[in-house]
């Protein structure tokens, strides 16, 4: 069995300790930092270089600028013009951190790829299937962004941090004298430095958002919005509407450039449709299944029934209505510790 592993390095404590743990287990580790045009900082690259030198492993720079621009940046921007709120981390994990990364690993004769994600992989020998389990540390669990992993990929993926808490990882880093031991976690969207996604979109497509109407559920005009990309489902503040009671964004109709407002109760929905599904526990959902589901990364799990509509599309029906179900976000399914799969929310 090939013992070589290509490890994604960010210059942070997680990937640095992952490199150490893999090496301790006897793997031949090759570190790799992804060049993403202006979104990979010199500081991160320098930290990765120092860590790899200290651990005695080589470091490669992989230029993923083109695929990052196409699959993550363009996707992120364009989704807002369709009235959706995307999760770029889902797409980055799918297209770069695993797919493109594994293709590069094969060029280097590396059997495995690895990342600093907090999750676990196990092999179900009875069914000859690779399964994804939550991290032992629930507060750091990152299985939500991993639902697109396929069986072909999973047999080649190592996730050494899944058995540890963040505190334990920092302790290991201090023990082996890594200077990134206390380095803060990176921000959620790596390519938006000031966390202002609206400015980011405007800078790439100036004057692209057009003003339009706020309406109620009956179609009555309540006021004017400043472009659909400036709003998301469940939003109350910053609407600029005064009608004597709080109003919330209930829906965004991109093709009509209309935003529907309503009372808070209208923000709660009992079902949704998701497409582009991928399942890990099995290949295809053939019949209704009871699961726990998360409608966004930070959401609590909710008792849910998922029903197949076709090979890629499901309906999810919640035992209790969920607040601010948002088109473009992912719904991800679980049974106990196991990640079942997920998909992109397309309607409610």
Protein backbone atom coordinates (compact mmCIF):
# COMPACT_ATOMS: atom_id res chain seq x y z
CA UNK A 1 0.00 0.00 0.00
CA UNK A 2 1.35 3.39 -0.97
CA UNK A 3 2.30 5.31 2.17
CA UNK A 4 2.62 8.77 0.60
CA UNK A 5 0.08 11.46 1.54
CA UNK A 6 -0.44 14.95 0.12
CA UNK A 7 -1.54 17.25 2.94
CA UNK A 8 -3.25 20.59 2.44
CA UNK A 9 -1.36 23.20 4.49
CA UNK A 10 -2.80 26.60 5.44
CA UNK A 11 -0.15 27.83 7.83
CA UNK A 12 -2.59 27.35 10.72
CA UNK A 13 -2.38 25.13 13.76
CA UNK A 14 -4.80 22.47 12.48
CA UNK A 15 -3.01 21.51 9.27
CA UNK A 16 0.36 21.86 11.01
CA UNK A 17 -0.54 19.37 13.73
CA UNK A 18 -2.16 17.12 11.09
CA UNK A 19 1.25 16.97 9.38
CA UNK A 20 2.91 16.01 12.67
CA UNK A 21 0.33 13.32 13.49
CA UNK A 22 0.56 11.76 10.04
CA UNK A 23 4.33 11.68 10.23
CA UNK A 24 4.18 10.09 13.69
CA UNK A 25 2.05 7.32 12.21
CA UNK A 26 4.73 6.60 9.62
CA UNK A 27 3.28 8.29 6.55
CA UNK A 28 5.50 9.98 3.97
CA UNK A 29 3.99 13.47 4.13
CA UNK A 30 4.17 16.07 1.38
CA UNK A 31 2.79 19.46 2.39
CA UNK A 32 1.00 21.61 -0.17
CA UNK A 33 -0.32 25.14 0.02
CA UNK A 34 -2.90 26.27 -2.51
CA UNK A 35 -2.13 29.41 -4.46
CA UNK A 36 -5.42 31.22 -4.96
CA UNK A 37 -4.29 34.42 -6.67
CA UNK A 38 -4.63 37.30 -4.19
CA UNK A 39 -6.47 35.22 -1.61
CA UNK A 40 -3.44 33.30 -0.33
CA UNK A 41 -1.51 35.55 2.03
CA UNK A 42 2.26 35.72 2.24
CA UNK A 43 1.99 35.28 6.01
CA UNK A 44 0.13 31.98 5.64
CA UNK A 45 2.63 30.73 3.07
CA UNK A 46 5.57 31.70 5.30
CA UNK A 47 4.02 29.95 8.30
CA UNK A 48 3.46 26.79 6.23
CA UNK A 49 7.05 26.93 4.98
CA UNK A 50 8.46 27.23 8.52
CA UNK A 51 6.26 24.41 9.82
CA UNK A 52 7.24 22.03 7.03
CA UNK A 53 10.93 22.84 7.53
CA UNK A 54 10.63 22.17 11.27
CA UNK A 55 8.82 18.86 10.67
CA UNK A 56 11.21 17.83 7.93
CA UNK A 57 8.68 17.53 5.13
CA UNK A 58 8.66 19.12 1.66
CA UNK A 59 6.24 21.90 0.77
CA UNK A 60 4.74 22.40 -2.68
CA UNK A 61 2.79 25.39 -3.97
CA UNK A 62 -0.17 24.34 -6.11
CA UNK A 63 -1.64 27.00 -8.37
CA UNK A 64 -5.40 26.53 -8.14
CA UNK A 65 -6.19 30.13 -9.09
CA UNK A 66 -8.23 29.29 -12.20
CA UNK A 67 -10.42 26.63 -10.63
CA UNK A 68 -10.90 28.73 -7.49
CA UNK A 69 -12.02 31.67 -9.61
CA UNK A 70 -14.47 29.53 -11.60
CA UNK A 71 -15.85 27.15 -9.01
CA UNK A 72 -15.82 29.31 -5.89
CA UNK A 73 -15.59 33.06 -6.62
CA UNK A 74 -17.81 33.16 -9.72
CA UNK A 75 -20.25 30.75 -8.10
CA UNK A 76 -20.38 32.88 -4.95
CA UNK A 77 -21.06 36.11 -6.85
CA UNK A 78 -23.54 34.69 -9.35
CA UNK A 79 -25.67 32.98 -6.70
CA UNK A 80 -26.59 36.35 -5.20
CA UNK A 81 -27.94 37.49 -8.56
CA UNK A 82 -30.22 34.45 -8.52
CA UNK A 83 -31.67 35.39 -5.15
CA UNK A 84 -29.73 32.72 -3.30
CA UNK A 85 -27.26 32.84 -0.39
CA UNK A 86 -24.37 30.49 -1.19
CA UNK A 87 -21.91 28.67 1.05
CA UNK A 88 -18.54 29.00 -0.72
CA UNK A 89 -16.82 26.63 1.72
CA UNK A 90 -19.00 23.78 0.44
CA UNK A 91 -17.89 24.43 -3.14
CA UNK A 92 -14.25 24.92 -2.17
CA UNK A 93 -14.16 21.60 -0.35
CA UNK A 94 -15.89 19.83 -3.22
CA UNK A 95 -13.89 21.20 -6.15
CA UNK A 96 -10.51 22.20 -4.67
CA UNK A 97 -9.62 20.67 -1.32
CA UNK A 98 -10.62 17.19 -2.41
CA UNK A 99 -11.25 16.82 -6.15
CA UNK A 100 -8.47 18.98 -7.66
CA UNK A 101 -6.21 18.14 -4.74
CA UNK A 102 -6.61 14.39 -5.29
CA UNK A 103 -5.85 14.76 -8.99
CA UNK A 104 -2.60 16.47 -8.03
CA UNK A 105 -1.86 13.74 -5.47
CA UNK A 106 -2.14 11.08 -8.18
CA UNK A 107 0.39 13.01 -10.28
CA UNK A 108 2.75 12.80 -7.31
CA UNK A 109 2.12 9.06 -6.79
CA UNK A 110 0.50 9.79 -3.44
CA UNK A 111 -2.18 7.28 -2.49
CA UNK A 112 -3.71 9.55 0.18
CA UNK A 113 -4.75 13.14 0.61
CA UNK A 114 -5.31 14.80 3.97
CA UNK A 115 -6.67 18.03 5.45
CA UNK A 116 -7.06 19.60 8.88
CA UNK A 117 -10.83 19.03 9.00
CA UNK A 118 -12.36 17.87 12.27
CA UNK A 119 -14.17 14.69 11.19
CA UNK A 120 -13.57 10.93 11.16
CA UNK A 121 -13.59 8.32 8.42
CA UNK A 122 -14.13 4.62 9.03
CA UNK A 123 -14.45 1.59 6.79
CA UNK A 124 -17.58 -0.56 7.08
CA UNK A 125 -16.12 -3.92 6.10
CA UNK A 126 -19.51 -5.67 6.03
CA UNK A 127 -20.76 -3.36 3.28
CA UNK A 128 -17.33 -2.43 1.90
CA UNK A 129 -18.21 1.24 2.32
CA UNK A 130 -16.38 4.22 3.71
CA UNK A 131 -18.35 6.25 6.24
CA UNK A 132 -17.92 9.75 7.65
CA UNK A 133 -18.45 10.32 11.37
CA UNK A 134 -18.63 13.49 13.39
CA UNK A 135 -15.53 14.68 15.20
CA UNK A 136 -15.25 13.59 18.82
CA UNK A 137 -15.35 17.33 19.54
CA UNK A 138 -18.86 18.40 18.54
CA UNK A 139 -18.10 22.11 18.85
CA UNK A 140 -15.43 21.78 16.12
CA UNK A 141 -17.16 19.17 13.95
CA UNK A 142 -16.86 20.02 10.25
CA UNK A 143 -18.76 17.16 8.63
CA UNK A 144 -21.34 19.68 7.36
CA UNK A 145 -18.94 20.82 4.62
CA UNK A 146 -17.89 17.26 3.69
CA UNK A 147 -21.17 15.77 2.45
CA UNK A 148 -20.02 15.86 -1.20
CA UNK A 149 -17.26 13.31 -0.63
CA UNK A 150 -17.66 10.18 -2.77
CA UNK A 151 -16.69 6.59 -2.09
CA UNK A 152 -13.91 6.82 -4.68
CA UNK A 153 -12.43 9.75 -2.77
CA UNK A 154 -13.05 8.56 0.77
CA UNK A 155 -10.81 5.52 0.44
CA UNK A 156 -7.95 7.96 -0.17
CA UNK A 157 -8.74 10.55 2.54
CA UNK A 158 -7.06 10.79 5.95
CA UNK A 159 -8.48 13.13 8.62
CA UNK A 160 -6.15 12.85 11.62
CA UNK A 161 -7.80 15.58 13.72
CA UNK A 162 -11.16 13.88 14.12
CA UNK A 163 -10.15 12.15 17.33
CA UNK A 164 -9.07 15.39 19.05
CA UNK A 165 -10.52 18.58 20.47
CA UNK A 166 -9.15 21.97 19.44
CA UNK A 167 -7.65 22.36 22.92
CA UNK A 168 -5.79 19.07 22.51
CA UNK A 169 -4.51 20.11 19.08
CA UNK A 170 -3.12 23.36 20.50
CA UNK A 171 -1.49 21.41 23.35
CA UNK A 172 0.21 19.13 20.85
CA UNK A 173 1.42 22.16 18.90
CA UNK A 174 2.89 23.68 22.07
CA UNK A 175 4.48 20.37 23.08
CA UNK A 176 6.40 20.13 19.80
CA UNK A 177 7.14 23.86 19.86
CA UNK A 178 5.17 24.97 16.79
CA UNK A 179 5.04 28.75 16.66
CA UNK A 180 1.46 28.64 15.32
CA UNK A 181 0.17 26.95 18.49
CA UNK A 182 -1.81 30.04 19.51
CA UNK A 183 -2.57 31.32 16.01
CA UNK A 184 -6.25 32.38 15.78
CA UNK A 185 -8.63 30.41 13.58
CA UNK A 186 -9.09 31.82 10.09
CA UNK A 187 -12.21 33.81 9.18
CA UNK A 188 -15.16 31.99 7.66
CA UNK A 189 -14.87 33.31 4.09
CA UNK A 190 -11.16 33.41 3.30
CA UNK A 191 -11.41 35.65 0.23
CA UNK A 192 -13.37 38.46 1.90
CA UNK A 193 -10.93 40.16 4.23
CA UNK A 194 -13.31 42.70 5.78
CA UNK A 195 -16.28 40.28 5.94
CA UNK A 196 -18.25 42.69 3.73
CA UNK A 197 -19.52 40.41 0.97
CA UNK A 198 -21.68 43.16 -0.55
CA UNK A 199 -18.64 45.34 -1.26
CA UNK A 200 -16.85 42.29 -2.66
CA UNK A 201 -19.69 41.63 -5.11
CA UNK A 202 -20.00 45.30 -6.10
CA UNK A 203 -16.27 45.49 -6.77
CA UNK A 204 -16.54 42.57 -9.18
CA UNK A 205 -19.81 43.62 -10.83
CA UNK A 206 -20.27 47.34 -10.39
CA UNK A 207 -23.84 48.65 -10.57
CA UNK A 208 -25.06 45.12 -11.18
CA UNK A 209 -27.77 45.10 -8.51
CA UNK A 210 -30.85 47.07 -9.54
CA UNK A 211 -33.37 48.60 -7.13
CA UNK A 212 -36.75 46.92 -7.04
CA UNK A 213 -39.87 46.56 -4.94
CA UNK A 214 -40.51 45.23 -1.47
CA UNK A 215 -43.96 43.63 -1.54
CA UNK A 216 -46.19 41.76 0.89
CA UNK A 217 -47.61 38.28 0.27
CA UNK A 218 -50.50 39.85 -1.66
CA UNK A 219 -48.18 41.73 -4.00
CA UNK A 220 -48.80 45.16 -2.48
CA UNK A 221 -45.76 47.43 -2.83
CA UNK A 222 -44.29 48.39 0.56
CA UNK A 223 -41.20 50.26 -0.57
CA UNK A 224 -38.05 49.91 -2.61
CA UNK A 225 -35.03 47.68 -2.02
CA UNK A 226 -31.47 48.46 -3.13
CA UNK A 227 -30.81 45.22 -5.04
CA UNK A 228 -31.56 41.62 -4.12
CA UNK A 229 -27.95 40.78 -3.31
CA UNK A 230 -28.08 43.03 -0.26
CA UNK A 231 -30.64 40.86 1.54
CA UNK A 232 -31.09 37.36 2.87
CA UNK A 233 -33.98 35.29 4.22
CA UNK A 234 -34.99 36.18 7.78
CA UNK A 235 -33.36 39.63 7.67
CA UNK A 236 -35.14 42.34 9.67
CA UNK A 237 -32.63 45.18 10.08
CA UNK A 238 -31.61 47.52 7.32
CA UNK A 239 -34.79 47.22 5.24
CA UNK A 240 -35.69 50.91 5.45
CA UNK A 241 -39.41 50.09 5.76
CA UNK A 242 -41.65 51.74 8.38
CA UNK A 243 -45.12 50.20 8.62
CA UNK A 244 -45.62 50.20 12.39
CA UNK A 245 -44.45 46.62 12.96
CA UNK A 246 -41.31 44.55 12.34
CA UNK A 247 -41.05 43.03 8.87
CA UNK A 248 -38.76 40.24 7.71
CA UNK A 249 -37.45 39.03 4.37
CA UNK A 250 -39.61 35.99 3.58
CA UNK A 251 -38.60 35.28 -0.02
CA UNK A 252 -36.49 36.70 -2.85
CA UNK A 253 -37.85 36.42 -6.40
CA UNK A 254 -34.82 37.04 -8.58
CA UNK A 255 -36.47 36.94 -12.02
CA UNK A 256 -38.91 39.67 -10.95
CA UNK A 257 -36.37 41.59 -8.83
CA UNK A 258 -38.86 41.46 -5.97
CA UNK A 259 -38.39 40.83 -2.25
CA UNK A 260 -41.36 39.56 -0.24
CA UNK A 261 -41.69 40.82 3.33
CA UNK A 262 -43.87 39.42 6.09
CA UNK A 263 -44.30 38.84 9.80
CA UNK A 264 -41.78 36.71 11.67
CA UNK A 265 -44.13 33.72 11.59
CA UNK A 266 -43.83 33.69 7.79
CA UNK A 267 -40.06 33.14 8.12
CA UNK A 268 -40.74 29.65 9.52
CA UNK A 269 -41.23 26.85 6.97
CA UNK A 270 -42.00 23.17 7.40
CA UNK A 271 -40.44 21.75 4.24
CA UNK A 272 -37.97 22.36 1.44
CA UNK A 273 -36.69 20.92 -1.82
CA UNK A 274 -32.98 20.20 -2.23
CA UNK A 275 -31.08 19.21 -5.38
CA UNK A 276 -27.54 18.11 -6.27
CA UNK A 277 -27.66 15.62 -3.43
CA UNK A 278 -24.84 13.29 -2.53
CA UNK A 279 -25.13 10.38 -0.12
CA UNK A 280 -22.31 8.71 1.79
CA UNK A 281 -24.15 6.08 3.82
CA UNK A 282 -25.61 4.63 0.60
CA UNK A 283 -25.60 5.49 -3.12
CA UNK A 284 -29.24 6.48 -3.64
CA UNK A 285 -32.22 7.32 -1.44
CA UNK A 286 -35.05 5.04 -2.57
CA UNK A 287 -37.66 5.56 0.15
CA UNK A 288 -38.54 8.07 2.89
CA UNK A 289 -36.03 8.16 5.72
CA UNK A 290 -36.06 9.68 9.18
CA UNK A 291 -32.93 11.76 9.86
CA UNK A 292 -31.63 14.76 11.74
CA UNK A 293 -30.88 17.67 9.45
CA UNK A 294 -29.04 20.99 9.59
CA UNK A 295 -30.20 23.75 7.22
CA UNK A 296 -26.97 25.76 7.68
CA UNK A 297 -23.59 25.24 9.27
CA UNK A 298 -24.53 26.96 12.54
CA UNK A 299 -28.05 25.48 12.82
CA UNK A 300 -29.15 22.94 15.38
CA UNK A 301 -30.09 19.51 14.10
CA UNK A 302 -33.82 19.03 13.54
CA UNK A 303 -35.92 15.88 13.28
CA UNK A 304 -36.68 15.52 9.57
CA UNK A 305 -38.10 13.10 7.03
CA UNK A 306 -36.37 13.09 3.65
CA UNK A 307 -38.27 11.79 0.62
CA UNK A 308 -36.69 11.01 -2.78
CA UNK A 309 -38.15 12.93 -5.74
CA UNK A 310 -35.64 11.70 -8.33
CA UNK A 311 -31.98 10.61 -8.36
CA UNK A 312 -30.64 14.03 -7.34
CA UNK A 313 -33.58 15.75 -5.66
CA UNK A 314 -35.27 15.26 -2.29
CA UNK A 315 -38.04 16.83 -0.24
CA UNK A 316 -37.34 17.42 3.45
CA UNK A 317 -40.26 17.68 5.88
CA UNK A 318 -39.45 18.92 9.38
CA UNK A 319 -41.21 17.79 12.55
CA UNK A 320 -41.09 21.42 13.68
CA UNK A 321 -40.96 24.46 11.34
CA UNK A 322 -37.46 25.84 10.78
CA UNK A 323 -36.54 29.51 10.78
CA UNK A 324 -35.09 31.23 7.69
CA UNK A 325 -34.59 28.27 5.36
CA UNK A 326 -32.41 29.87 2.69
CA UNK A 327 -32.06 28.94 -0.98
CA UNK A 328 -28.44 28.31 -1.88
CA UNK A 329 -27.48 26.96 1.53
CA UNK A 330 -26.95 23.23 2.09
CA UNK A 331 -29.14 20.88 4.06
CA UNK A 332 -27.08 18.07 5.57
CA UNK A 333 -28.41 14.81 7.03
CA UNK A 334 -27.25 12.74 10.01
CA UNK A 335 -28.03 9.56 11.88
CA UNK A 336 -26.39 9.63 15.30
CA UNK A 337 -22.66 10.20 14.64
CA UNK A 338 -22.84 9.39 10.95
CA UNK A 339 -23.02 11.82 8.05
CA UNK A 340 -25.67 10.54 5.64
CA UNK A 341 -25.33 13.16 2.89
CA UNK A 342 -26.72 16.50 1.82
CA UNK A 343 -27.80 18.79 -0.99
CA UNK A 344 -28.39 22.40 -2.03
CA UNK A 345 -31.68 24.02 -1.00
CA UNK A 346 -33.53 25.23 -4.10
CA UNK A 347 -37.04 26.06 -2.80
CA UNK A 348 -39.29 26.09 0.25
